[in-house]
Amino acid sequence: MNDQKYFFKLIYFLTEGFFIANFIFVLPKCRGDCELLQPGQPNETKRQMELLNIIKPLNGLVFEVKDAIAPTNYTYNVSICSHIEGSGPNVAAVQYENGKDKKKFTLGKSNMVDIMGGTDWILLTYYGGDKYGSHCNYTERVTRIMIICDPNVLKVSFQHRVL
């Protein structure tokens, strides 16, 4: 009888632990489609959630940008905490080659996000892009989006600069 009692207590604690673990890992999904890559310490994660809430009005926007150096060669689609239609799951940034090959590269995913910010800026980073072929040590592509907040602007406006 005691074994059965301990078994039910064990199941109860495992169920509670599973529920809490799911709640913690699902929480970032509640802020648009961005999911934190590595939730940090509680204070750090709280700040990241605040920053995701600040950019929430931008969620779902997709920007098309021509390469500043070679505008006829490359086009980029970059979303804010959403996926790019016609791409794989969670793909938030894509590079298209405009040449005859029409290659497409994933530059980052909305479920592999880091975010940090200051008083008037937010840096949103997407990880999990396609690996480079023969250069950059075959590392994965990464996308960084700098959002500068201007307190003198009353509505959302978009100005982009490709660096």
N, C-alpha and C. Protein backbone atom coordinates (compact mmCIF):
# COMPACT_ATOMS: atom_id res chain seq x y z
N MET A 1 0.82 -1.20 0.00
CA MET A 1 0.00 0.00 0.00
C MET A 1 0.87 1.26 0.00
N ASN A 2 1.97 1.25 0.78
CA ASN A 2 2.87 2.39 0.81
C ASN A 2 3.52 2.64 -0.54
N ASP A 3 3.85 1.55 -1.26
CA ASP A 3 4.45 1.70 -2.59
C ASP A 3 3.50 2.42 -3.54
N GLN A 4 2.22 2.07 -3.45
CA GLN A 4 1.23 2.70 -4.32
C GLN A 4 1.10 4.18 -3.97
N LYS A 5 1.12 4.51 -2.69
CA LYS A 5 1.03 5.90 -2.24
C LYS A 5 2.21 6.72 -2.77
N TYR A 6 3.42 6.15 -2.68
CA TYR A 6 4.61 6.85 -3.19
C TYR A 6 4.58 6.98 -4.71
N PHE A 7 4.05 5.95 -5.37
CA PHE A 7 3.93 6.00 -6.83
C PHE A 7 3.05 7.16 -7.25
N PHE A 8 1.90 7.33 -6.59
CA PHE A 8 0.99 8.42 -6.95
C PHE A 8 1.61 9.79 -6.64
N LYS A 9 2.36 9.88 -5.53
CA LYS A 9 3.05 11.13 -5.22
C LYS A 9 4.09 11.44 -6.30
N LEU A 10 4.82 10.42 -6.73
CA LEU A 10 5.83 10.60 -7.77
C LEU A 10 5.17 11.08 -9.07
N ILE A 11 4.08 10.45 -9.45
CA ILE A 11 3.36 10.86 -10.67
C ILE A 11 2.89 12.30 -10.52
N TYR A 12 2.38 12.66 -9.36
CA TYR A 12 1.91 14.03 -9.12
C TYR A 12 3.05 15.03 -9.30
N PHE A 13 4.20 14.77 -8.69
CA PHE A 13 5.33 15.69 -8.79
C PHE A 13 5.88 15.76 -10.21
N LEU A 14 5.92 14.62 -10.90
CA LEU A 14 6.38 14.63 -12.29
C LEU A 14 5.43 15.43 -13.16
N THR A 15 4.13 15.27 -12.93
CA THR A 15 3.13 16.03 -13.69
C THR A 15 3.28 17.51 -13.41
N GLU A 16 3.44 17.89 -12.14
CA GLU A 16 3.62 19.29 -11.79
C GLU A 16 4.89 19.84 -12.43
N GLY A 17 5.97 19.07 -12.37
CA GLY A 17 7.23 19.51 -12.98
C GLY A 17 7.10 19.66 -14.49
N PHE A 18 6.40 18.75 -15.14
CA PHE A 18 6.19 18.83 -16.58
C PHE A 18 5.38 20.07 -16.93
N PHE A 19 4.33 20.34 -16.17
CA PHE A 19 3.49 21.52 -16.42
C PHE A 19 4.31 22.80 -16.27
N ILE A 20 5.08 22.89 -15.20
CA ILE A 20 5.89 24.09 -14.97
C ILE A 20 6.93 24.25 -16.07
N ALA A 21 7.60 23.15 -16.45
CA ALA A 21 8.61 23.22 -17.51
C ALA A 21 7.98 23.68 -18.82
N ASN A 22 6.81 23.14 -19.15
CA ASN A 22 6.14 23.57 -20.38
C ASN A 22 5.75 25.03 -20.31
N PHE A 23 5.30 25.47 -19.18
CA PHE A 23 4.90 26.87 -19.03
C PHE A 23 6.11 27.78 -19.25
N ILE A 24 7.22 27.44 -18.67
CA ILE A 24 8.42 28.27 -18.80
C ILE A 24 8.89 28.32 -20.25
N PHE A 25 8.91 27.19 -20.94
CA PHE A 25 9.42 27.18 -22.30
C PHE A 25 8.42 27.68 -23.33
N VAL A 26 7.13 27.65 -23.00
CA VAL A 26 6.12 28.14 -23.93
C VAL A 26 5.92 29.64 -23.77
N LEU A 27 6.28 30.19 -22.63
CA LEU A 27 6.05 31.60 -22.34
C LEU A 27 6.57 32.54 -23.43
N PRO A 28 7.80 32.38 -23.95
CA PRO A 28 8.25 33.30 -24.99
C PRO A 28 7.36 33.29 -26.24
N LYS A 29 6.70 32.19 -26.54
CA LYS A 29 5.84 32.09 -27.71
C LYS A 29 4.64 33.03 -27.59
N CYS A 30 4.28 33.43 -26.38
CA CYS A 30 3.14 34.32 -26.17
C CYS A 30 3.41 35.72 -26.70
N ARG A 31 4.61 36.05 -27.01
CA ARG A 31 4.99 37.39 -27.48
C ARG A 31 5.24 37.34 -28.98
N GLY A 32 4.19 37.35 -29.77
CA GLY A 32 4.36 37.22 -31.21
C GLY A 32 4.86 35.82 -31.51
N ASP A 33 5.62 35.68 -32.55
CA ASP A 33 6.17 34.38 -32.90
C ASP A 33 7.63 34.25 -32.49
N CYS A 34 8.20 35.25 -31.84
CA CYS A 34 9.60 35.18 -31.44
C CYS A 34 9.75 34.29 -30.21
N GLU A 35 10.69 33.39 -30.29
CA GLU A 35 11.01 32.54 -29.15
C GLU A 35 12.49 32.75 -28.81
N LEU A 36 12.76 32.98 -27.54
CA LEU A 36 14.13 33.21 -27.11
C LEU A 36 14.97 31.95 -27.31
N LEU A 37 16.15 32.14 -27.85
CA LEU A 37 17.07 31.03 -28.10
C LEU A 37 17.52 30.40 -26.79
N GLN A 38 17.97 31.23 -25.88
CA GLN A 38 18.44 30.75 -24.58
C GLN A 38 17.92 31.68 -23.51
N PRO A 39 16.73 31.38 -22.97
CA PRO A 39 16.26 32.24 -21.88
C PRO A 39 17.31 32.29 -20.78
N GLY A 40 17.61 33.49 -20.34
CA GLY A 40 18.68 33.68 -19.36
C GLY A 40 18.19 33.64 -17.93
N GLN A 41 18.86 34.37 -17.10
CA GLN A 41 18.47 34.48 -15.71
C GLN A 41 17.10 35.16 -15.64
N PRO A 42 16.34 34.97 -14.55
CA PRO A 42 14.99 35.55 -14.47
C PRO A 42 14.94 37.04 -14.77
N ASN A 43 15.86 37.84 -14.24
CA ASN A 43 15.84 39.28 -14.51
C ASN A 43 16.13 39.57 -15.98
N GLU A 44 17.06 38.82 -16.56
CA GLU A 44 17.41 39.00 -17.97
C GLU A 44 16.23 38.61 -18.86
N THR A 45 15.59 37.48 -18.55
CA THR A 45 14.44 37.03 -19.33
C THR A 45 13.29 38.01 -19.20
N LYS A 46 13.09 38.57 -18.03
CA LYS A 46 12.04 39.57 -17.83
C LYS A 46 12.29 40.78 -18.74
N ARG A 47 13.52 41.23 -18.82
CA ARG A 47 13.87 42.36 -19.69
C ARG A 47 13.65 41.99 -21.15
N GLN A 48 14.01 40.79 -21.54
CA GLN A 48 13.79 40.35 -22.91
C GLN A 48 12.30 40.33 -23.25
N MET A 49 11.47 39.89 -22.31
CA MET A 49 10.02 39.88 -22.53
C MET A 49 9.50 41.32 -22.67
N GLU A 50 10.03 42.24 -21.86
CA GLU A 50 9.63 43.65 -21.97
C GLU A 50 9.98 44.19 -23.36
N LEU A 51 11.17 43.86 -23.85
CA LEU A 51 11.59 44.33 -25.17
C LEU A 51 10.73 43.72 -26.28
N LEU A 52 10.38 42.44 -26.15
CA LEU A 52 9.50 41.81 -27.14
C LEU A 52 8.13 42.48 -27.14
N ASN A 53 7.67 42.90 -25.96
CA ASN A 53 6.39 43.62 -25.89
C ASN A 53 6.49 45.00 -26.54
N ILE A 54 7.63 45.65 -26.40
CA ILE A 54 7.81 46.98 -27.01
C ILE A 54 7.71 46.90 -28.53
N ILE A 55 8.29 45.87 -29.12
CA ILE A 55 8.27 45.76 -30.58
C ILE A 55 7.02 45.03 -31.09
N LYS A 56 6.14 44.65 -30.20
CA LYS A 56 4.95 43.90 -30.60
C LYS A 56 4.15 44.58 -31.72
N PRO A 57 4.01 45.93 -31.73
CA PRO A 57 3.28 46.55 -32.85
C PRO A 57 3.92 46.29 -34.22
N LEU A 58 5.19 45.92 -34.24
CA LEU A 58 5.88 45.63 -35.50
C LEU A 58 5.75 44.17 -35.92
N ASN A 59 5.27 43.31 -35.00
CA ASN A 59 5.16 41.88 -35.30
C ASN A 59 4.37 41.64 -36.57
N GLY A 60 4.88 40.79 -37.41
CA GLY A 60 4.19 40.43 -38.64
C GLY A 60 4.59 41.28 -39.84
N LEU A 61 5.24 42.41 -39.61
CA LEU A 61 5.69 43.23 -40.74
C LEU A 61 6.83 42.52 -41.46
N VAL A 62 6.80 42.58 -42.78
CA VAL A 62 7.87 42.00 -43.59
C VAL A 62 8.41 43.10 -44.49
N PHE A 63 9.71 43.30 -44.45
CA PHE A 63 10.36 44.34 -45.24
C PHE A 63 11.18 43.70 -46.34
N GLU A 64 11.07 44.26 -47.55
CA GLU A 64 11.91 43.81 -48.66
C GLU A 64 12.98 44.87 -48.88
N VAL A 65 14.21 44.44 -48.91
CA VAL A 65 15.34 45.35 -49.03
C VAL A 65 16.25 44.86 -50.15
N LYS A 66 16.64 45.77 -51.03
CA LYS A 66 17.63 45.45 -52.07
C LYS A 66 19.02 45.68 -51.48
N ASP A 67 19.94 44.85 -51.87
CA ASP A 67 21.32 44.99 -51.40
C ASP A 67 21.86 46.35 -51.84
N ALA A 68 22.41 47.11 -50.89
CA ALA A 68 22.91 48.46 -51.18
C ALA A 68 24.13 48.43 -52.10
N ILE A 69 24.94 47.40 -52.00
CA ILE A 69 26.15 47.32 -52.81
C ILE A 69 25.87 46.70 -54.18
N ALA A 70 25.03 45.69 -54.21
CA ALA A 70 24.71 45.01 -55.47
C ALA A 70 23.19 44.82 -55.58
N PRO A 71 22.43 45.92 -55.82
CA PRO A 71 20.97 45.83 -55.80
C PRO A 71 20.38 44.88 -56.83
N THR A 72 21.10 44.63 -57.91
CA THR A 72 20.57 43.69 -58.90
C THR A 72 20.90 42.24 -58.57
N ASN A 73 21.79 42.03 -57.61
CA ASN A 73 22.21 40.67 -57.26
C ASN A 73 21.40 40.04 -56.13
N TYR A 74 21.07 40.83 -55.11
CA TYR A 74 20.44 40.25 -53.92
C TYR A 74 19.24 41.07 -53.46
N THR A 75 18.24 40.35 -52.98
CA THR A 75 17.08 40.94 -52.32
C THR A 75 16.90 40.22 -51.00
N TYR A 76 16.51 40.96 -49.97
CA TYR A 76 16.31 40.39 -48.65
C TYR A 76 14.88 40.62 -48.21
N ASN A 77 14.26 39.60 -47.63
CA ASN A 77 12.98 39.75 -46.94
C ASN A 77 13.25 39.51 -45.47
N VAL A 78 12.88 40.48 -44.66
CA VAL A 78 13.11 40.39 -43.22
C VAL A 78 11.80 40.68 -42.52
N SER A 79 11.41 39.78 -41.63
CA SER A 79 10.18 39.96 -40.87
C SER A 79 10.52 40.30 -39.42
N ILE A 80 9.54 40.83 -38.75
CA ILE A 80 9.68 41.10 -37.32
C ILE A 80 8.82 40.07 -36.58
N CYS A 81 9.48 39.13 -35.93
CA CYS A 81 8.82 38.10 -35.12
C CYS A 81 7.71 37.37 -35.87
N SER A 82 7.94 37.06 -37.12
CA SER A 82 7.00 36.23 -37.88
C SER A 82 7.78 35.50 -38.95
N HIS A 83 7.10 34.63 -39.67
CA HIS A 83 7.81 33.87 -40.70
C HIS A 83 7.55 34.49 -42.07
N ILE A 84 8.43 34.18 -42.99
CA ILE A 84 8.32 34.64 -44.37
C ILE A 84 7.49 33.60 -45.14
N GLU A 85 6.40 34.05 -45.74
CA GLU A 85 5.56 33.15 -46.53
C GLU A 85 6.39 32.49 -47.63
N GLY A 86 6.13 31.22 -47.85
CA GLY A 86 6.83 30.50 -48.91
C GLY A 86 8.18 29.96 -48.48
N SER A 87 8.55 30.18 -47.23
CA SER A 87 9.81 29.66 -46.70
C SER A 87 9.48 28.58 -45.68
N GLY A 88 10.51 27.96 -45.16
CA GLY A 88 10.32 26.90 -44.18
C GLY A 88 9.73 27.44 -42.89
N PRO A 89 9.39 26.54 -41.97
CA PRO A 89 8.82 26.95 -40.69
C PRO A 89 9.78 27.86 -39.93
N ASN A 90 9.23 28.91 -39.35
CA ASN A 90 9.96 29.84 -38.48
C ASN A 90 11.00 30.70 -39.20
N VAL A 91 11.12 30.61 -40.50
CA VAL A 91 12.11 31.42 -41.22
C VAL A 91 11.68 32.88 -41.19
N ALA A 92 12.53 33.73 -40.60
CA ALA A 92 12.19 35.14 -40.40
C ALA A 92 12.99 36.08 -41.28
N ALA A 93 14.05 35.59 -41.91
CA ALA A 93 14.87 36.43 -42.78
C ALA A 93 15.44 35.56 -43.90
N VAL A 94 15.32 36.07 -45.14
CA VAL A 94 15.73 35.31 -46.32
C VAL A 94 16.54 36.20 -47.26
N GLN A 95 17.56 35.62 -47.87
CA GLN A 95 18.32 36.29 -48.93
C GLN A 95 18.02 35.57 -50.24
N TYR A 96 17.64 36.35 -51.26
CA TYR A 96 17.37 35.79 -52.58
C TYR A 96 18.45 36.27 -53.55
N GLU A 97 19.02 35.35 -54.31
CA GLU A 97 19.92 35.73 -55.39
C GLU A 97 19.05 36.02 -56.61
N ASN A 98 19.26 37.16 -57.23
CA ASN A 98 18.44 37.57 -58.36
C ASN A 98 18.94 37.06 -59.70
N GLY A 99 20.05 36.34 -59.70
CA GLY A 99 20.63 35.84 -60.95
C GLY A 99 19.84 34.68 -61.53
N LYS A 100 20.43 34.01 -62.50
CA LYS A 100 19.73 32.91 -63.17
C LYS A 100 19.53 31.70 -62.26
N ASP A 101 20.38 31.52 -61.24
CA ASP A 101 20.24 30.37 -60.34
C ASP A 101 19.09 30.55 -59.35
N LYS A 102 18.74 31.78 -59.02
CA LYS A 102 17.64 32.10 -58.09
C LYS A 102 17.79 31.35 -56.76
N LYS A 103 18.98 31.33 -56.20
CA LYS A 103 19.20 30.66 -54.92
C LYS A 103 18.53 31.44 -53.80
N LYS A 104 18.16 30.71 -52.76
CA LYS A 104 17.50 31.31 -51.60
C LYS A 104 18.19 30.78 -50.35
N PHE A 105 18.55 31.68 -49.43
CA PHE A 105 19.23 31.29 -48.20
C PHE A 105 18.45 31.78 -46.99
N THR A 106 18.28 30.90 -46.03
CA THR A 106 17.68 31.30 -44.76
C THR A 106 18.74 32.04 -43.95
N LEU A 107 18.38 33.23 -43.48
CA LEU A 107 19.32 34.05 -42.71
C LEU A 107 19.06 34.01 -41.21
N GLY A 108 17.93 33.46 -40.79
CA GLY A 108 17.62 33.37 -39.37
C GLY A 108 16.18 32.96 -39.16
N LYS A 109 15.90 32.49 -37.94
CA LYS A 109 14.57 31.96 -37.62
C LYS A 109 13.98 32.66 -36.39
N SER A 110 12.66 32.78 -36.40
CA SER A 110 11.96 33.48 -35.32
C SER A 110 11.87 32.64 -34.05
N ASN A 111 12.24 31.38 -34.11
CA ASN A 111 12.25 30.56 -32.90
C ASN A 111 13.67 30.41 -32.32
N MET A 112 14.59 31.23 -32.85
CA MET A 112 15.98 31.24 -32.35
C MET A 112 16.41 32.70 -32.22
N VAL A 113 15.84 33.38 -31.24
CA VAL A 113 15.95 34.84 -31.13
C VAL A 113 16.72 35.24 -29.88
N ASP A 114 17.49 36.29 -30.02
CA ASP A 114 18.05 36.99 -28.87
C ASP A 114 17.64 38.44 -29.02
N ILE A 115 17.40 39.10 -27.91
CA ILE A 115 17.00 40.50 -27.96
C ILE A 115 17.65 41.23 -26.81
N MET A 116 18.10 42.44 -27.08
CA MET A 116 18.67 43.29 -26.04
C MET A 116 18.33 44.72 -26.40
N GLY A 117 18.44 45.61 -25.45
CA GLY A 117 18.10 47.00 -25.76
C GLY A 117 18.59 47.97 -24.73
N GLY A 118 18.55 49.24 -25.13
CA GLY A 118 18.92 50.34 -24.26
C GLY A 118 17.74 51.29 -24.15
N THR A 119 18.02 52.55 -23.86
CA THR A 119 16.93 53.51 -23.66
C THR A 119 16.24 53.88 -24.97
N ASP A 120 16.95 53.87 -26.08
CA ASP A 120 16.32 54.27 -27.34
C ASP A 120 16.65 53.32 -28.50
N TRP A 121 17.02 52.10 -28.20
CA TRP A 121 17.34 51.14 -29.25
C TRP A 121 17.03 49.72 -28.79
N ILE A 122 16.77 48.87 -29.77
CA ILE A 122 16.55 47.44 -29.54
C ILE A 122 17.29 46.69 -30.64
N LEU A 123 18.03 45.66 -30.25
CA LEU A 123 18.72 44.81 -31.21
C LEU A 123 18.07 43.43 -31.18
N LEU A 124 17.43 43.08 -32.29
CA LEU A 124 16.77 41.78 -32.45
C LEU A 124 17.68 40.93 -33.32
N THR A 125 18.06 39.75 -32.83
CA THR A 125 18.97 38.88 -33.57
C THR A 125 18.31 37.54 -33.83
N TYR A 126 18.34 37.12 -35.10
CA TYR A 126 17.85 35.80 -35.50
C TYR A 126 19.05 34.90 -35.75
N TYR A 127 19.03 33.72 -35.17
CA TYR A 127 20.04 32.70 -35.41
C TYR A 127 19.41 31.55 -36.20
N GLY A 128 20.21 30.56 -36.55
CA GLY A 128 19.69 29.36 -37.21
C GLY A 128 19.60 29.45 -38.71
N GLY A 129 20.35 30.36 -39.32
CA GLY A 129 20.34 30.48 -40.78
C GLY A 129 21.14 29.36 -41.43
N ASP A 130 21.03 29.28 -42.75
CA ASP A 130 21.79 28.29 -43.51
C ASP A 130 23.28 28.52 -43.31
N LYS A 131 24.04 27.43 -43.37
CA LYS A 131 25.49 27.54 -43.23
C LYS A 131 26.08 28.10 -44.52
N TYR A 132 27.16 28.87 -44.35
CA TYR A 132 27.90 29.35 -45.51
C TYR A 132 28.56 28.16 -46.20
N GLY A 133 28.70 28.25 -47.52
CA GLY A 133 29.25 27.14 -48.30
C GLY A 133 30.73 26.94 -48.10
N SER A 134 31.54 27.85 -48.61
CA SER A 134 32.98 27.62 -48.59
C SER A 134 33.74 28.70 -47.84
N HIS A 135 33.05 29.58 -47.18
CA HIS A 135 33.73 30.64 -46.45
C HIS A 135 33.09 30.83 -45.07
N CYS A 136 33.65 31.72 -44.29
CA CYS A 136 33.17 32.00 -42.93
C CYS A 136 33.14 30.75 -42.05
N ASN A 137 34.06 29.84 -42.32
CA ASN A 137 34.19 28.62 -41.51
C ASN A 137 32.91 27.79 -41.46
N TYR A 138 32.09 27.90 -42.49
CA TYR A 138 30.84 27.15 -42.58
C TYR A 138 29.88 27.46 -41.43
N THR A 139 29.98 28.65 -40.87
CA THR A 139 29.08 29.03 -39.78
C THR A 139 27.68 29.31 -40.31
N GLU A 140 26.71 29.29 -39.41
CA GLU A 140 25.34 29.61 -39.79
C GLU A 140 25.19 31.11 -39.99
N ARG A 141 24.35 31.47 -40.92
CA ARG A 141 24.05 32.89 -41.14
C ARG A 141 23.24 33.42 -39.96
N VAL A 142 23.45 34.69 -39.64
CA VAL A 142 22.79 35.37 -38.53
C VAL A 142 22.27 36.70 -39.05
N THR A 143 21.11 37.12 -38.57
CA THR A 143 20.54 38.41 -38.94
C THR A 143 20.39 39.27 -37.70
N ARG A 144 20.87 40.50 -37.79
CA ARG A 144 20.72 41.46 -36.69
C ARG A 144 19.91 42.64 -37.20
N ILE A 145 18.86 42.98 -36.45
CA ILE A 145 17.99 44.09 -36.82
C ILE A 145 18.08 45.12 -35.70
N MET A 146 18.57 46.30 -36.03
CA MET A 146 18.66 47.38 -35.05
C MET A 146 17.42 48.25 -35.19
N ILE A 147 16.67 48.36 -34.12
CA ILE A 147 15.47 49.19 -34.10
C ILE A 147 15.80 50.40 -33.23
N ILE A 148 15.75 51.57 -33.83
CA ILE A 148 16.05 52.80 -33.09
C ILE A 148 14.73 53.50 -32.80
N CYS A 149 14.51 53.78 -31.54
CA CYS A 149 13.25 54.38 -31.10
C CYS A 149 13.44 55.89 -30.97
N ASP A 150 12.67 56.65 -31.72
CA ASP A 150 12.75 58.11 -31.70
C ASP A 150 11.55 58.64 -30.91
N PRO A 151 11.78 59.21 -29.73
CA PRO A 151 10.66 59.69 -28.91
C PRO A 151 9.91 60.86 -29.54
N ASN A 152 10.48 61.50 -30.56
CA ASN A 152 9.81 62.62 -31.22
C ASN A 152 8.88 62.18 -32.35
N VAL A 153 8.88 60.89 -32.65
CA VAL A 153 8.02 60.38 -33.71
C VAL A 153 6.80 59.74 -33.07
N LEU A 154 5.61 60.18 -33.49
CA LEU A 154 4.39 59.69 -32.87
C LEU A 154 3.89 58.39 -33.48
N LYS A 155 4.16 58.14 -34.74
CA LYS A 155 3.70 56.91 -35.36
C LYS A 155 4.90 56.12 -35.88
N VAL A 156 4.64 54.86 -36.16
CA VAL A 156 5.70 53.99 -36.64
C VAL A 156 6.09 54.39 -38.05
N SER A 157 7.36 54.63 -38.26
CA SER A 157 7.87 54.86 -39.61
C SER A 157 9.08 53.96 -39.79
N PHE A 158 9.35 53.61 -41.02
CA PHE A 158 10.44 52.68 -41.28
C PHE A 158 11.47 53.35 -42.17
N GLN A 159 12.68 53.40 -41.68
CA GLN A 159 13.81 53.84 -42.49
C GLN A 159 14.84 52.73 -42.37
N HIS A 160 15.36 52.29 -43.46
CA HIS A 160 16.33 51.21 -43.38
C HIS A 160 17.65 51.61 -44.00
N ARG A 161 18.66 51.02 -43.43
CA ARG A 161 20.01 51.16 -43.96
C ARG A 161 20.63 49.78 -43.97
N VAL A 162 21.15 49.39 -45.08
CA VAL A 162 21.84 48.11 -45.16
C VAL A 162 23.31 48.39 -44.92
N LEU A 163 23.87 47.71 -43.95
CA LEU A 163 25.28 47.93 -43.60
C LEU A 163 26.15 46.89 -44.25
